Amino acid sequence: MIRDIAFLIVLSLSVGFMLGLLMAPQSGAKSRKTLLIKLKDFLDKGKFTLLEARVIGEGILEKSKERVGEVSHRLKDKKES
């Protein structure tokens, strides 16, 4: 439900933004060029954010694996004692 609402908000904002650019008092060619530049910037930022999240996630995964290994060793040592 919350995901649907968030999607509708993002969709509404995107459509409003694009309509605002298209209705701006500029020539159509200039408006399309501006829209393409902004869209490219938006996509580049999105790709960067995803890459950053992946790197952070991989770091967390590695630390978690190390921690699991440590706990596993401790449990084995206690079991053997």
Protein backbone atom coordinates (compact mmCIF):
# COMPACT_ATOMS: atom_id res chain seq x y z
CA MET A 1 0.00 0.00 0.00
CA ILE A 2 2.74 2.46 0.99
CA ARG A 3 4.74 1.38 -2.05
CA ASP A 4 1.75 2.14 -4.30
CA ILE A 5 1.34 5.58 -2.77
CA ALA A 6 5.06 6.34 -3.12
CA PHE A 7 4.97 5.19 -6.76
CA LEU A 8 1.98 7.43 -7.49
CA ILE A 9 3.71 10.41 -5.88
CA VAL A 10 6.90 9.88 -7.89
CA LEU A 11 4.90 9.35 -11.07
CA SER A 12 2.84 12.49 -10.48
CA LEU A 13 5.93 14.57 -9.79
CA SER A 14 7.65 13.23 -12.91
CA VAL A 15 4.67 13.91 -15.14
CA GLY A 16 4.24 17.39 -13.68
CA PHE A 17 7.92 18.14 -14.20
CA MET A 18 7.83 17.01 -17.82
CA LEU A 19 4.64 18.91 -18.55
CA GLY A 20 6.14 22.02 -16.98
CA LEU A 21 9.14 21.76 -19.24
CA LEU A 22 7.03 21.12 -22.30
CA MET A 23 4.73 24.08 -21.56
CA ALA A 24 7.61 26.45 -20.81
CA PRO A 25 7.92 29.57 -22.95
CA GLN A 26 10.82 28.12 -24.92
CA SER A 27 11.02 26.62 -28.35
CA GLY A 28 10.17 22.93 -28.60
CA ALA A 29 13.70 22.00 -29.62
CA LYS A 30 15.22 23.83 -26.66
CA SER A 31 12.69 22.29 -24.26
CA ARG A 32 13.38 18.78 -25.57
CA LYS A 33 17.13 19.36 -25.31
CA THR A 34 16.73 20.59 -21.72
CA LEU A 35 14.52 17.62 -20.89
CA LEU A 36 17.05 15.16 -22.33
CA ILE A 37 19.91 16.76 -20.41
CA LYS A 38 17.97 16.63 -17.13
CA LEU A 39 16.90 13.06 -17.81
CA LYS A 40 20.50 12.03 -18.53
CA ASP A 41 21.67 13.70 -15.31
CA PHE A 42 18.90 11.96 -13.36
CA LEU A 43 19.86 8.57 -14.83
CA ASP A 44 23.56 9.16 -14.13
CA LYS A 45 22.82 10.03 -10.50
CA GLY A 46 20.63 6.93 -10.21
CA LYS A 47 23.35 4.69 -11.62
CA PHE A 48 25.92 6.21 -9.27
CA THR A 49 23.60 5.73 -6.29
CA LEU A 50 23.01 2.08 -7.20
CA LEU A 51 26.75 1.49 -7.59
CA GLU A 52 27.41 3.16 -4.25
CA ALA A 53 24.71 1.04 -2.57
CA ARG A 54 26.21 -2.10 -4.08
CA VAL A 55 29.69 -1.28 -2.76
CA ILE A 56 28.30 -0.54 0.71
CA GLY A 57 26.23 -3.74 0.62
CA GLU A 58 29.24 -5.83 -0.36
CA GLY A 59 31.20 -4.32 2.54
CA ILE A 60 28.42 -5.16 4.98
CA LEU A 61 28.22 -8.69 3.58
CA GLU A 62 31.96 -9.23 4.03
CA LYS A 63 31.88 -7.94 7.62
CA SER A 64 28.89 -10.17 8.34
CA LYS A 65 30.69 -13.23 6.96
CA GLU A 66 33.73 -12.46 9.11
CA ARG A 67 31.54 -12.04 12.18
CA VAL A 68 29.73 -15.32 11.49
CA GLY A 69 33.10 -17.05 11.17
CA GLU A 70 34.24 -15.64 14.51
CA VAL A 71 31.05 -16.69 16.29
CA SER A 72 31.22 -20.13 14.67
CA HIS A 73 34.78 -20.60 15.92
CA ARG A 74 33.79 -19.57 19.43
CA LEU A 75 30.88 -22.00 19.45
CA LYS A 76 33.07 -24.85 18.20
CA ASP A 77 35.69 -24.06 20.85
CA LYS A 78 33.04 -24.06 23.61
CA LYS A 79 31.60 -27.33 22.33
CA GLU A 80 35.03 -28.97 22.38
CA SER A 81 35.78 -27.73 25.91
